[in-house]
Amino acid sequence: MPKKLALLIIVSAFSIGLIACGGNEEMASHDDLEEMEATAPASSEAAPTEAPMEMLGGGHATLVHEGAGGSPHVNVHWGVNDANITITYGRPFLRDRVVGESVPPMADAVWRLGADEATTLATDSDLMIGDAHVPAGEYTLWTAHMGGEFHLIINSETGQWGTAYNGEHDLAHVAMEVGELPTPADQLVISLTEDSLGFDWGAMTASVPLMVH
């Protein structure tokens, strides 16, 4: 074989080898990149955390909405023994008005125990509220003066506006113990403990015994 032809063959083979090696290096670099992306630590920029829940009436409250009339609606959760109890209600402001005169509860009307939508109570365990057995479920809460007593009304209808009370769905009426606050509450607060359910509103405070079954 002539020397020039042999030399050309050797150079060509060497060039092909370089090209092949270059292609493998390119593929290896691409594979390494994918591996690095798969094993790279997450970005140090953490997702924003939710604001801590406010404590209200002994429970953890979150804002539902601001309320069309300026009465913010809250969802308040309590863990009582083995029960999870949630009350959702609008929180009106007194703003120098007088309970029983210019703001409810009035002597001759049922009150939604809040503002705007009907106040709801949800429980995943059976309860005793006063002497009434309340099975696990969702209810609306109302109040009214009845026969010289002030009653908490537990109603099985839900989803209604706070003026759409229908007594045909009442589960129970429970007499509340009523007192006077030394410092009036300018905004409605519903409270719940291991043994009572109540509210503060203006100079009025009212409560009823509660027990988890």
N, C-alpha and C. Protein backbone atom coordinates (compact mmCIF):
# COMPACT_ATOMS: atom_id res chain seq x y z
N MET A 1 0.86 -1.19 0.00
CA MET A 1 0.00 0.00 0.00
C MET A 1 0.89 1.23 0.00
N PRO A 2 0.58 2.19 -0.85
CA PRO A 2 1.39 3.42 -0.89
C PRO A 2 1.34 4.11 0.45
N LYS A 3 2.43 4.79 0.82
CA LYS A 3 2.53 5.45 2.13
C LYS A 3 1.50 6.55 2.29
N LYS A 4 1.24 7.29 1.22
CA LYS A 4 0.28 8.40 1.32
C LYS A 4 -1.14 7.88 1.63
N LEU A 5 -1.50 6.75 0.97
CA LEU A 5 -2.82 6.19 1.20
C LEU A 5 -2.95 5.66 2.63
N ALA A 6 -1.89 5.00 3.12
CA ALA A 6 -1.90 4.47 4.48
C ALA A 6 -2.03 5.59 5.50
N LEU A 7 -1.27 6.67 5.24
CA LEU A 7 -1.32 7.81 6.16
C LEU A 7 -2.71 8.44 6.17
N LEU A 8 -3.36 8.52 5.00
CA LEU A 8 -4.70 9.10 4.91
C LEU A 8 -5.70 8.26 5.69
N ILE A 9 -5.56 6.94 5.59
CA ILE A 9 -6.46 6.04 6.32
C ILE A 9 -6.31 6.22 7.83
N ILE A 10 -5.06 6.36 8.28
CA ILE A 10 -4.80 6.51 9.73
C ILE A 10 -5.38 7.81 10.24
N VAL A 11 -5.16 8.89 9.48
CA VAL A 11 -5.68 10.21 9.89
C VAL A 11 -7.21 10.21 9.93
N SER A 12 -7.83 9.57 8.94
CA SER A 12 -9.29 9.51 8.89
C SER A 12 -9.85 8.74 10.07
N ALA A 13 -9.22 7.61 10.38
CA ALA A 13 -9.67 6.79 11.51
C ALA A 13 -9.54 7.56 12.82
N PHE A 14 -8.46 8.32 12.97
CA PHE A 14 -8.23 9.11 14.19
C PHE A 14 -9.30 10.20 14.34
N SER A 15 -9.65 10.81 13.21
CA SER A 15 -10.66 11.88 13.23
C SER A 15 -12.03 11.34 13.61
N ILE A 16 -12.35 10.17 13.03
CA ILE A 16 -13.63 9.53 13.37
C ILE A 16 -13.68 9.20 14.85
N GLY A 17 -12.56 8.75 15.41
CA GLY A 17 -12.48 8.44 16.84
C GLY A 17 -12.71 9.66 17.69
N LEU A 18 -12.14 10.79 17.26
CA LEU A 18 -12.33 12.04 18.02
C LEU A 18 -13.78 12.47 18.00
N ILE A 19 -14.41 12.35 16.83
CA ILE A 19 -15.82 12.74 16.71
C ILE A 19 -16.68 11.87 17.60
N ALA A 20 -16.43 10.57 17.60
CA ALA A 20 -17.20 9.64 18.43
C ALA A 20 -17.03 9.96 19.89
N CYS A 21 -15.78 10.24 20.29
CA CYS A 21 -15.52 10.57 21.69
C CYS A 21 -16.22 11.86 22.07
N GLY A 22 -16.18 12.81 21.17
CA GLY A 22 -16.82 14.10 21.43
C GLY A 22 -18.30 13.91 21.63
N GLY A 23 -18.95 13.06 20.79
CA GLY A 23 -20.38 12.82 20.94
C GLY A 23 -20.69 12.18 22.27
N ASN A 24 -19.87 11.24 22.74
CA ASN A 24 -20.10 10.59 24.02
C ASN A 24 -19.95 11.57 25.17
N GLU A 25 -18.93 12.48 25.03
CA GLU A 25 -18.73 13.46 26.07
C GLU A 25 -19.92 14.38 26.16
N GLU A 26 -20.53 14.72 24.99
CA GLU A 26 -21.69 15.59 24.99
C GLU A 26 -22.87 14.90 25.65
N MET A 27 -23.07 13.60 25.35
CA MET A 27 -24.15 12.85 25.95
C MET A 27 -23.93 12.70 27.45
N ALA A 28 -22.70 12.45 27.85
CA ALA A 28 -22.40 12.30 29.26
C ALA A 28 -22.68 13.60 30.00
N SER A 29 -22.33 14.71 29.38
CA SER A 29 -22.57 16.00 30.02
C SER A 29 -24.06 16.23 30.21
N HIS A 30 -24.86 15.84 29.22
CA HIS A 30 -26.31 16.01 29.31
C HIS A 30 -26.89 15.14 30.41
N ASP A 31 -26.41 13.88 30.51
CA ASP A 31 -26.87 12.97 31.56
C ASP A 31 -26.49 13.51 32.93
N ASP A 32 -25.25 14.03 33.04
CA ASP A 32 -24.81 14.57 34.32
C ASP A 32 -25.69 15.74 34.74
N LEU A 33 -26.09 16.57 33.77
CA LEU A 33 -26.92 17.72 34.07
C LEU A 33 -28.27 17.28 34.61
N GLU A 34 -28.86 16.25 33.96
CA GLU A 34 -30.14 15.75 34.44
C GLU A 34 -30.02 15.19 35.85
N GLU A 35 -28.91 14.50 36.11
CA GLU A 35 -28.70 13.93 37.44
C GLU A 35 -28.54 15.02 38.48
N MET A 36 -27.80 16.08 38.12
CA MET A 36 -27.61 17.19 39.04
C MET A 36 -28.93 17.87 39.35
N GLU A 37 -29.78 18.04 38.32
CA GLU A 37 -31.07 18.68 38.54
C GLU A 37 -31.96 17.82 39.44
N ALA A 38 -31.84 16.49 39.26
CA ALA A 38 -32.69 15.60 40.04
C ALA A 38 -32.28 15.56 41.49
N THR A 39 -30.97 15.73 41.76
CA THR A 39 -30.47 15.61 43.12
C THR A 39 -30.18 16.95 43.76
N ALA A 40 -30.38 18.04 43.02
CA ALA A 40 -30.09 19.36 43.57
C ALA A 40 -31.04 19.66 44.71
N PRO A 41 -30.55 20.32 45.78
CA PRO A 41 -31.44 20.68 46.89
C PRO A 41 -32.48 21.68 46.46
N ALA A 42 -33.62 21.68 47.15
CA ALA A 42 -34.68 22.61 46.83
C ALA A 42 -34.21 24.03 47.05
N SER A 43 -34.88 24.95 46.40
CA SER A 43 -34.52 26.35 46.52
C SER A 43 -34.59 26.79 47.96
N SER A 44 -33.65 27.64 48.35
CA SER A 44 -33.63 28.13 49.72
C SER A 44 -34.77 29.09 50.00
N GLU A 45 -35.47 29.51 48.95
CA GLU A 45 -36.60 30.41 49.13
C GLU A 45 -37.83 29.59 49.46
N ALA A 46 -38.18 29.53 50.75
CA ALA A 46 -39.27 28.68 51.20
C ALA A 46 -40.61 29.31 50.83
N ALA A 47 -41.61 28.44 50.69
CA ALA A 47 -42.95 28.92 50.39
C ALA A 47 -43.46 29.72 51.58
N PRO A 48 -44.21 30.76 51.34
CA PRO A 48 -44.71 31.57 52.45
C PRO A 48 -45.62 30.75 53.36
N THR A 49 -45.45 30.95 54.66
CA THR A 49 -46.27 30.22 55.63
C THR A 49 -47.51 31.02 55.95
N GLU A 50 -48.56 30.28 56.35
CA GLU A 50 -49.80 30.95 56.69
C GLU A 50 -49.62 31.72 58.00
N ALA A 51 -50.34 32.83 58.11
CA ALA A 51 -50.28 33.61 59.33
C ALA A 51 -50.86 32.79 60.48
N PRO A 52 -50.29 32.91 61.69
CA PRO A 52 -50.80 32.14 62.81
C PRO A 52 -52.25 32.49 63.10
N MET A 53 -53.02 31.49 63.53
CA MET A 53 -54.43 31.71 63.82
C MET A 53 -54.58 32.52 65.11
N GLU A 54 -55.58 33.35 65.14
CA GLU A 54 -55.87 34.17 66.31
C GLU A 54 -56.61 33.34 67.34
N MET A 55 -56.30 33.56 68.62
CA MET A 55 -57.07 32.92 69.69
C MET A 55 -58.28 33.78 69.97
N LEU A 56 -59.45 33.18 69.98
CA LEU A 56 -60.69 33.92 70.19
C LEU A 56 -61.67 33.03 70.96
N GLY A 57 -62.11 33.48 72.11
CA GLY A 57 -63.06 32.71 72.91
C GLY A 57 -62.54 31.34 73.31
N GLY A 58 -61.23 31.24 73.46
CA GLY A 58 -60.61 29.97 73.84
C GLY A 58 -60.33 29.04 72.68
N GLY A 59 -60.66 29.45 71.44
CA GLY A 59 -60.44 28.60 70.26
C GLY A 59 -59.54 29.27 69.25
N HIS A 60 -59.24 28.55 68.19
CA HIS A 60 -58.39 29.05 67.10
C HIS A 60 -59.28 29.60 66.00
N ALA A 61 -59.14 30.90 65.73
CA ALA A 61 -60.03 31.57 64.77
C ALA A 61 -59.32 31.91 63.48
N THR A 62 -60.01 31.72 62.38
CA THR A 62 -59.54 32.18 61.07
C THR A 62 -60.64 33.03 60.44
N LEU A 63 -60.22 34.03 59.69
CA LEU A 63 -61.17 34.94 59.05
C LEU A 63 -61.81 34.26 57.84
N VAL A 64 -63.14 34.32 57.76
CA VAL A 64 -63.87 33.78 56.61
C VAL A 64 -64.05 34.87 55.56
N HIS A 65 -64.61 36.00 55.98
CA HIS A 65 -64.71 37.18 55.11
C HIS A 65 -64.98 38.40 55.99
N GLU A 66 -64.83 39.57 55.42
CA GLU A 66 -64.93 40.80 56.19
C GLU A 66 -66.36 41.18 56.56
N GLY A 67 -67.33 40.65 55.85
CA GLY A 67 -68.72 40.98 56.14
C GLY A 67 -69.16 42.22 55.39
N ALA A 68 -70.28 42.13 54.72
CA ALA A 68 -70.74 43.25 53.90
C ALA A 68 -71.05 44.48 54.73
N GLY A 69 -71.51 44.30 55.97
CA GLY A 69 -71.85 45.43 56.82
C GLY A 69 -70.77 45.80 57.81
N GLY A 70 -69.56 45.26 57.62
CA GLY A 70 -68.47 45.59 58.52
C GLY A 70 -68.36 44.69 59.74
N SER A 71 -69.07 43.56 59.72
CA SER A 71 -68.97 42.58 60.82
C SER A 71 -68.18 41.38 60.32
N PRO A 72 -66.89 41.29 60.64
CA PRO A 72 -66.08 40.18 60.12
C PRO A 72 -66.63 38.82 60.56
N HIS A 73 -66.56 37.86 59.62
CA HIS A 73 -67.02 36.50 59.91
C HIS A 73 -65.80 35.63 60.19
N VAL A 74 -65.88 34.85 61.26
CA VAL A 74 -64.78 34.00 61.67
C VAL A 74 -65.24 32.56 61.79
N ASN A 75 -64.28 31.68 61.63
CA ASN A 75 -64.46 30.25 61.83
C ASN A 75 -63.59 29.90 63.04
N VAL A 76 -64.19 29.48 64.14
CA VAL A 76 -63.44 29.22 65.37
C VAL A 76 -63.53 27.74 65.71
N HIS A 77 -62.37 27.14 65.95
CA HIS A 77 -62.30 25.70 66.22
C HIS A 77 -61.81 25.46 67.64
N TRP A 78 -62.48 24.54 68.31
CA TRP A 78 -62.07 24.10 69.64
C TRP A 78 -61.90 22.58 69.63
N GLY A 79 -60.88 22.11 70.31
CA GLY A 79 -60.74 20.68 70.57
C GLY A 79 -61.11 20.44 72.03
N VAL A 80 -62.22 19.77 72.26
CA VAL A 80 -62.71 19.54 73.62
C VAL A 80 -62.77 18.04 73.86
N ASN A 81 -61.91 17.56 74.76
CA ASN A 81 -61.77 16.12 74.97
C ASN A 81 -61.52 15.46 73.61
N ASP A 82 -62.41 14.59 73.15
CA ASP A 82 -62.19 13.94 71.85
C ASP A 82 -63.01 14.59 70.74
N ALA A 83 -63.63 15.70 71.01
CA ALA A 83 -64.52 16.34 70.03
C ALA A 83 -63.84 17.52 69.34
N ASN A 84 -64.17 17.68 68.07
CA ASN A 84 -63.79 18.87 67.31
C ASN A 84 -65.06 19.69 67.08
N ILE A 85 -65.06 20.89 67.62
CA ILE A 85 -66.25 21.75 67.56
C ILE A 85 -65.87 23.04 66.85
N THR A 86 -66.67 23.44 65.88
CA THR A 86 -66.41 24.65 65.11
C THR A 86 -67.66 25.51 65.09
N ILE A 87 -67.48 26.79 65.39
CA ILE A 87 -68.58 27.75 65.29
C ILE A 87 -68.16 28.84 64.30
N THR A 88 -69.03 29.12 63.35
CA THR A 88 -68.79 30.15 62.34
C THR A 88 -69.84 31.23 62.51
N TYR A 89 -69.39 32.48 62.69
CA TYR A 89 -70.35 33.55 62.98
C TYR A 89 -69.80 34.91 62.59
N GLY A 90 -70.72 35.85 62.40
CA GLY A 90 -70.34 37.23 62.16
C GLY A 90 -70.21 37.96 63.49
N ARG A 91 -69.22 38.86 63.58
CA ARG A 91 -68.91 39.53 64.85
C ARG A 91 -69.25 41.03 64.74
N PRO A 92 -70.46 41.41 65.08
CA PRO A 92 -70.81 42.83 65.00
C PRO A 92 -70.10 43.66 66.08
N PHE A 93 -69.98 44.95 65.82
CA PHE A 93 -69.45 45.91 66.79
C PHE A 93 -70.61 46.66 67.42
N LEU A 94 -70.48 46.96 68.70
CA LEU A 94 -71.54 47.68 69.40
C LEU A 94 -71.57 49.16 69.00
N ARG A 95 -70.40 49.79 68.97
CA ARG A 95 -70.26 51.20 68.57
C ARG A 95 -71.25 52.11 69.32
N ASP A 96 -71.15 52.04 70.65
CA ASP A 96 -71.91 52.92 71.55
C ASP A 96 -73.42 52.65 71.54
N ARG A 97 -73.87 51.60 70.89
CA ARG A 97 -75.29 51.25 70.94
C ARG A 97 -75.56 50.41 72.18
N VAL A 98 -76.80 50.17 72.47
CA VAL A 98 -77.17 49.46 73.70
C VAL A 98 -77.86 48.15 73.35
N VAL A 99 -77.34 47.05 73.89
CA VAL A 99 -77.94 45.73 73.67
C VAL A 99 -79.35 45.72 74.25
N GLY A 100 -80.31 45.25 73.47
CA GLY A 100 -81.69 45.18 73.91
C GLY A 100 -82.50 46.41 73.56
N GLU A 101 -81.80 47.48 73.13
CA GLU A 101 -82.52 48.70 72.76
C GLU A 101 -82.35 48.98 71.26
N SER A 102 -81.11 49.18 70.86
CA SER A 102 -80.86 49.46 69.44
C SER A 102 -80.19 48.30 68.71
N VAL A 103 -79.71 47.32 69.43
CA VAL A 103 -79.14 46.11 68.82
C VAL A 103 -79.68 44.89 69.55
N PRO A 104 -79.82 43.76 68.84
CA PRO A 104 -80.33 42.54 69.48
C PRO A 104 -79.28 41.96 70.45
N PRO A 105 -79.80 41.09 71.36
CA PRO A 105 -81.13 40.47 71.34
C PRO A 105 -82.21 41.38 71.93
N MET A 106 -83.30 41.50 71.18
CA MET A 106 -84.46 42.26 71.64
C MET A 106 -85.38 41.34 72.46
N ALA A 107 -86.26 41.95 73.20
CA ALA A 107 -87.14 41.18 74.09
C ALA A 107 -88.15 40.34 73.33
N ASP A 108 -88.49 40.75 72.11
CA ASP A 108 -89.59 40.08 71.40
C ASP A 108 -89.16 39.45 70.08
N ALA A 109 -87.87 39.14 69.91
CA ALA A 109 -87.42 38.62 68.62
C ALA A 109 -86.33 37.57 68.80
N VAL A 110 -86.29 36.65 67.84
CA VAL A 110 -85.21 35.66 67.78
C VAL A 110 -83.98 36.32 67.17
N TRP A 111 -82.83 36.06 67.75
CA TRP A 111 -81.57 36.65 67.26
C TRP A 111 -80.68 35.56 66.70
N ARG A 112 -79.95 35.88 65.64
CA ARG A 112 -79.06 34.92 64.95
C ARG A 112 -77.77 34.64 65.71
N LEU A 113 -77.56 35.25 66.85
CA LEU A 113 -76.33 35.12 67.64
C LEU A 113 -75.11 35.47 66.79
N GLY A 114 -75.21 36.62 66.12
CA GLY A 114 -74.12 37.07 65.27
C GLY A 114 -74.63 38.09 64.29
N ALA A 115 -73.99 38.15 63.13
CA ALA A 115 -74.39 39.09 62.08
C ALA A 115 -74.44 38.38 60.74
N ASP A 116 -75.28 38.92 59.85
CA ASP A 116 -75.38 38.42 58.47
C ASP A 116 -75.89 36.98 58.43
N GLU A 117 -75.08 36.04 57.89
CA GLU A 117 -75.53 34.64 57.79
C GLU A 117 -75.81 34.06 59.18
N ALA A 118 -76.66 33.03 59.22
CA ALA A 118 -76.95 32.36 60.49
C ALA A 118 -75.66 31.76 61.06
N THR A 119 -75.55 31.84 62.37
CA THR A 119 -74.39 31.26 63.06
C THR A 119 -74.50 29.74 63.05
N THR A 120 -73.40 29.06 62.73
CA THR A 120 -73.43 27.60 62.66
C THR A 120 -72.50 26.98 63.69
N LEU A 121 -72.92 25.83 64.17
CA LEU A 121 -72.11 24.99 65.06
C LEU A 121 -71.97 23.62 64.41
N ALA A 122 -70.73 23.14 64.28
CA ALA A 122 -70.48 21.80 63.74
C ALA A 122 -69.68 21.01 64.76
N THR A 123 -70.08 19.77 64.98
CA THR A 123 -69.38 18.90 65.93
C THR A 123 -69.26 17.50 65.36
N ASP A 124 -68.12 16.86 65.59
CA ASP A 124 -67.95 15.48 65.13
C ASP A 124 -68.24 14.47 66.23
N SER A 125 -68.69 14.96 67.38
CA SER A 125 -69.07 14.08 68.49
C SER A 125 -70.41 14.53 69.06
N ASP A 126 -71.13 13.61 69.66
CA ASP A 126 -72.38 13.98 70.33
C ASP A 126 -72.07 14.89 71.51
N LEU A 127 -72.96 15.86 71.75
CA LEU A 127 -72.79 16.80 72.86
C LEU A 127 -74.05 16.80 73.72
N MET A 128 -73.87 17.23 74.96
CA MET A 128 -74.98 17.63 75.81
C MET A 128 -74.84 19.13 76.01
N ILE A 129 -75.82 19.88 75.53
CA ILE A 129 -75.84 21.33 75.74
C ILE A 129 -77.01 21.60 76.67
N GLY A 130 -76.69 22.00 77.90
CA GLY A 130 -77.72 22.02 78.93
C GLY A 130 -78.25 20.62 79.11
N ASP A 131 -79.57 20.46 79.05
CA ASP A 131 -80.16 19.12 79.17
C ASP A 131 -80.54 18.54 77.81
N ALA A 132 -80.03 19.15 76.72
CA ALA A 132 -80.38 18.70 75.37
C ALA A 132 -79.27 17.84 74.77
N HIS A 133 -79.67 16.70 74.24
CA HIS A 133 -78.71 15.85 73.53
C HIS A 133 -78.60 16.34 72.09
N VAL A 134 -77.37 16.66 71.67
CA VAL A 134 -77.12 17.19 70.33
C VAL A 134 -76.23 16.20 69.59
N PRO A 135 -76.79 15.41 68.67
CA PRO A 135 -75.96 14.44 67.93
C PRO A 135 -74.91 15.13 67.07
N ALA A 136 -73.85 14.41 66.76
CA ALA A 136 -72.82 14.94 65.87
C ALA A 136 -73.46 15.43 64.57
N GLY A 137 -73.03 16.59 64.09
CA GLY A 137 -73.61 17.16 62.88
C GLY A 137 -73.43 18.66 62.85
N GLU A 138 -74.22 19.32 62.03
CA GLU A 138 -74.13 20.78 61.88
C GLU A 138 -75.49 21.40 62.19
N TYR A 139 -75.45 22.53 62.91
CA TYR A 139 -76.66 23.18 63.37
C TYR A 139 -76.50 24.70 63.27
N THR A 140 -77.60 25.41 63.39
CA THR A 140 -77.52 26.85 63.55
C THR A 140 -77.93 27.21 64.98
N LEU A 141 -77.36 28.30 65.48
CA LEU A 141 -77.60 28.75 66.85
C LEU A 141 -78.35 30.08 66.83
N TRP A 142 -79.33 30.19 67.71
CA TRP A 142 -80.14 31.40 67.83
C TRP A 142 -80.40 31.65 69.30
N THR A 143 -80.88 32.82 69.63
CA THR A 143 -81.28 33.11 71.01
C THR A 143 -82.62 33.83 71.01
N ALA A 144 -83.30 33.76 72.15
CA ALA A 144 -84.58 34.48 72.28
C ALA A 144 -84.98 34.50 73.75
N HIS A 145 -85.71 35.55 74.14
CA HIS A 145 -86.34 35.61 75.46
C HIS A 145 -87.63 34.81 75.39
N MET A 146 -87.78 33.85 76.30
CA MET A 146 -88.96 32.99 76.29
C MET A 146 -89.40 32.70 77.71
N GLY A 147 -90.64 33.09 78.02
CA GLY A 147 -91.21 32.77 79.33
C GLY A 147 -90.39 33.27 80.49
N GLY A 148 -89.82 34.46 80.36
CA GLY A 148 -89.02 35.03 81.44
C GLY A 148 -87.59 34.51 81.48
N GLU A 149 -87.22 33.66 80.53
CA GLU A 149 -85.85 33.14 80.46
C GLU A 149 -85.21 33.55 79.14
N PHE A 150 -83.89 33.48 79.12
CA PHE A 150 -83.16 33.74 77.89
C PHE A 150 -82.66 32.39 77.39
N HIS A 151 -83.06 32.02 76.17
CA HIS A 151 -82.78 30.67 75.67
C HIS A 151 -81.76 30.67 74.52
N LEU A 152 -80.95 29.62 74.52
CA LEU A 152 -80.17 29.26 73.34
C LEU A 152 -81.02 28.29 72.55
N ILE A 153 -81.17 28.56 71.26
CA ILE A 153 -81.97 27.69 70.38
C ILE A 153 -81.03 26.97 69.43
N ILE A 154 -81.13 25.65 69.38
CA ILE A 154 -80.32 24.83 68.48
C ILE A 154 -81.25 24.33 67.38
N ASN A 155 -80.93 24.68 66.15
CA ASN A 155 -81.83 24.44 65.02
C ASN A 155 -81.11 23.57 63.99
N SER A 156 -81.81 22.62 63.40
CA SER A 156 -81.17 21.68 62.48
C SER A 156 -81.07 22.19 61.04
N GLU A 157 -81.70 23.33 60.75
CA GLU A 157 -81.60 23.89 59.39
C GLU A 157 -80.31 24.70 59.28
N THR A 158 -79.60 24.55 58.17
CA THR A 158 -78.35 25.28 57.96
C THR A 158 -78.33 25.92 56.57
N GLY A 159 -77.43 26.87 56.39
CA GLY A 159 -77.24 27.50 55.09
C GLY A 159 -78.13 28.70 54.85
N GLN A 160 -78.94 29.09 55.82
CA GLN A 160 -79.88 30.19 55.63
C GLN A 160 -79.28 31.52 56.09
N TRP A 161 -79.90 32.61 55.63
CA TRP A 161 -79.54 33.94 56.10
C TRP A 161 -80.00 34.09 57.54
N GLY A 162 -79.40 34.99 58.27
CA GLY A 162 -79.65 35.10 59.69
C GLY A 162 -81.00 35.65 60.11
N THR A 163 -81.81 36.04 59.15
CA THR A 163 -83.18 36.46 59.48
C THR A 163 -84.20 35.41 59.07
N ALA A 164 -83.74 34.28 58.55
CA ALA A 164 -84.64 33.25 58.03
C ALA A 164 -84.80 32.11 59.04
N TYR A 165 -85.12 32.47 60.28
CA TYR A 165 -85.31 31.46 61.32
C TYR A 165 -86.63 30.72 61.13
N ASN A 166 -86.58 29.40 61.23
CA ASN A 166 -87.78 28.57 61.11
C ASN A 166 -87.83 27.63 62.31
N GLY A 167 -88.76 27.95 63.24
CA GLY A 167 -88.85 27.19 64.48
C GLY A 167 -89.24 25.74 64.29
N GLU A 168 -89.75 25.38 63.11
CA GLU A 168 -90.13 23.99 62.88
C GLU A 168 -88.92 23.05 62.88
N HIS A 169 -87.73 23.62 62.70
CA HIS A 169 -86.51 22.81 62.67
C HIS A 169 -85.75 22.85 64.00
N ASP A 170 -86.36 23.40 65.03
CA ASP A 170 -85.67 23.48 66.32
C ASP A 170 -85.40 22.09 66.88
N LEU A 171 -84.17 21.88 67.29
CA LEU A 171 -83.80 20.64 67.97
C LEU A 171 -84.01 20.78 69.47
N ALA A 172 -83.65 21.95 70.00
CA ALA A 172 -83.76 22.15 71.45
C ALA A 172 -83.73 23.63 71.80
N HIS A 173 -84.38 23.96 72.91
CA HIS A 173 -84.28 25.27 73.54
C HIS A 173 -83.65 25.03 74.91
N VAL A 174 -82.60 25.77 75.23
CA VAL A 174 -81.89 25.58 76.49
C VAL A 174 -81.78 26.92 77.20
N ALA A 175 -82.26 26.99 78.44
CA ALA A 175 -82.18 28.22 79.23
C ALA A 175 -80.71 28.55 79.52
N MET A 176 -80.34 29.81 79.32
CA MET A 176 -78.97 30.26 79.55
C MET A 176 -78.89 31.04 80.86
N GLU A 177 -77.74 30.94 81.50
CA GLU A 177 -77.48 31.76 82.67
C GLU A 177 -76.95 33.11 82.19
N VAL A 178 -77.60 34.19 82.60
CA VAL A 178 -77.26 35.51 82.09
C VAL A 178 -76.67 36.36 83.22
N GLY A 179 -75.61 37.10 82.88
CA GLY A 179 -74.98 38.00 83.84
C GLY A 179 -74.58 39.30 83.19
N GLU A 180 -73.89 40.14 83.96
CA GLU A 180 -73.46 41.45 83.46
C GLU A 180 -71.94 41.54 83.53
N LEU A 181 -71.34 41.99 82.45
CA LEU A 181 -69.89 42.13 82.40
C LEU A 181 -69.44 43.41 83.08
N PRO A 182 -68.32 43.37 83.81
CA PRO A 182 -67.80 44.60 84.41
C PRO A 182 -67.31 45.59 83.36
N THR A 183 -66.79 45.05 82.25
CA THR A 183 -66.35 45.87 81.12
C THR A 183 -67.10 45.39 79.89
N PRO A 184 -67.95 46.22 79.29
CA PRO A 184 -68.73 45.78 78.13
C PRO A 184 -67.85 45.32 76.97
N ALA A 185 -68.33 44.31 76.25
CA ALA A 185 -67.63 43.80 75.07
C ALA A 185 -68.14 44.57 73.85
N ASP A 186 -67.26 45.34 73.21
CA ASP A 186 -67.69 46.15 72.07
C ASP A 186 -67.91 45.30 70.82
N GLN A 187 -67.35 44.07 70.82
CA GLN A 187 -67.54 43.17 69.68
C GLN A 187 -67.94 41.80 70.21
N LEU A 188 -68.89 41.17 69.54
CA LEU A 188 -69.41 39.88 69.99
C LEU A 188 -68.30 38.82 70.03
N VAL A 189 -68.25 38.08 71.12
CA VAL A 189 -67.31 36.97 71.26
C VAL A 189 -68.08 35.74 71.75
N ILE A 190 -68.03 34.66 70.99
CA ILE A 190 -68.58 33.38 71.43
C ILE A 190 -67.44 32.55 72.01
N SER A 191 -67.67 31.98 73.18
CA SER A 191 -66.62 31.23 73.87
C SER A 191 -67.07 29.80 74.14
N LEU A 192 -66.09 28.92 74.24
CA LEU A 192 -66.38 27.52 74.53
C LEU A 192 -65.26 26.97 75.39
N THR A 193 -65.63 26.24 76.44
CA THR A 193 -64.66 25.58 77.31
C THR A 193 -65.03 24.10 77.40
N GLU A 194 -64.35 23.38 78.26
CA GLU A 194 -64.66 21.95 78.41
C GLU A 194 -66.05 21.73 79.00
N ASP A 195 -66.60 22.74 79.65
CA ASP A 195 -67.91 22.52 80.29
C ASP A 195 -68.93 23.62 80.06
N SER A 196 -68.68 24.55 79.11
CA SER A 196 -69.68 25.58 78.87
C SER A 196 -69.56 26.18 77.48
N LEU A 197 -70.68 26.72 77.01
CA LEU A 197 -70.77 27.46 75.76
C LEU A 197 -71.44 28.78 76.09
N GLY A 198 -70.87 29.89 75.64
CA GLY A 198 -71.47 31.16 75.98
C GLY A 198 -71.01 32.28 75.07
N PHE A 199 -71.45 33.49 75.37
CA PHE A 199 -71.03 34.65 74.59
C PHE A 199 -71.02 35.90 75.45
N ASP A 200 -70.22 36.88 75.03
CA ASP A 200 -70.17 38.21 75.62
C ASP A 200 -70.55 39.21 74.55
N TRP A 201 -71.45 40.14 74.91
CA TRP A 201 -71.94 41.11 73.93
C TRP A 201 -72.46 42.33 74.68
N GLY A 202 -71.80 43.47 74.52
CA GLY A 202 -72.14 44.63 75.33
C GLY A 202 -71.89 44.31 76.79
N ALA A 203 -72.81 44.67 77.65
CA ALA A 203 -72.67 44.36 79.07
C ALA A 203 -73.19 42.97 79.40
N MET A 204 -73.71 42.28 78.40
CA MET A 204 -74.36 40.99 78.62
C MET A 204 -73.38 39.82 78.45
N THR A 205 -73.45 38.88 79.38
CA THR A 205 -72.75 37.61 79.23
C THR A 205 -73.75 36.49 79.51
N ALA A 206 -73.72 35.46 78.69
CA ALA A 206 -74.69 34.36 78.83
C ALA A 206 -73.97 33.04 78.56
N SER A 207 -74.34 31.99 79.28
CA SER A 207 -73.67 30.71 79.08
C SER A 207 -74.62 29.56 79.39
N VAL A 208 -74.24 28.39 78.93
CA VAL A 208 -75.01 27.17 79.14
C VAL A 208 -74.02 26.02 79.32
N PRO A 209 -74.34 25.04 80.17
CA PRO A 209 -73.42 23.91 80.35
C PRO A 209 -73.24 23.11 79.05
N LEU A 210 -72.04 22.58 78.87
CA LEU A 210 -71.72 21.74 77.68
C LEU A 210 -70.90 20.54 78.15
N MET A 211 -71.19 19.40 77.55
CA MET A 211 -70.45 18.18 77.85
C MET A 211 -70.33 17.36 76.58
N VAL A 212 -69.14 16.79 76.36
CA VAL A 212 -68.91 15.92 75.21
C VAL A 212 -69.28 14.50 75.60
N HIS A 213 -70.07 13.83 74.77
CA HIS A 213 -70.44 12.42 75.03
C HIS A 213 -69.28 11.52 74.71
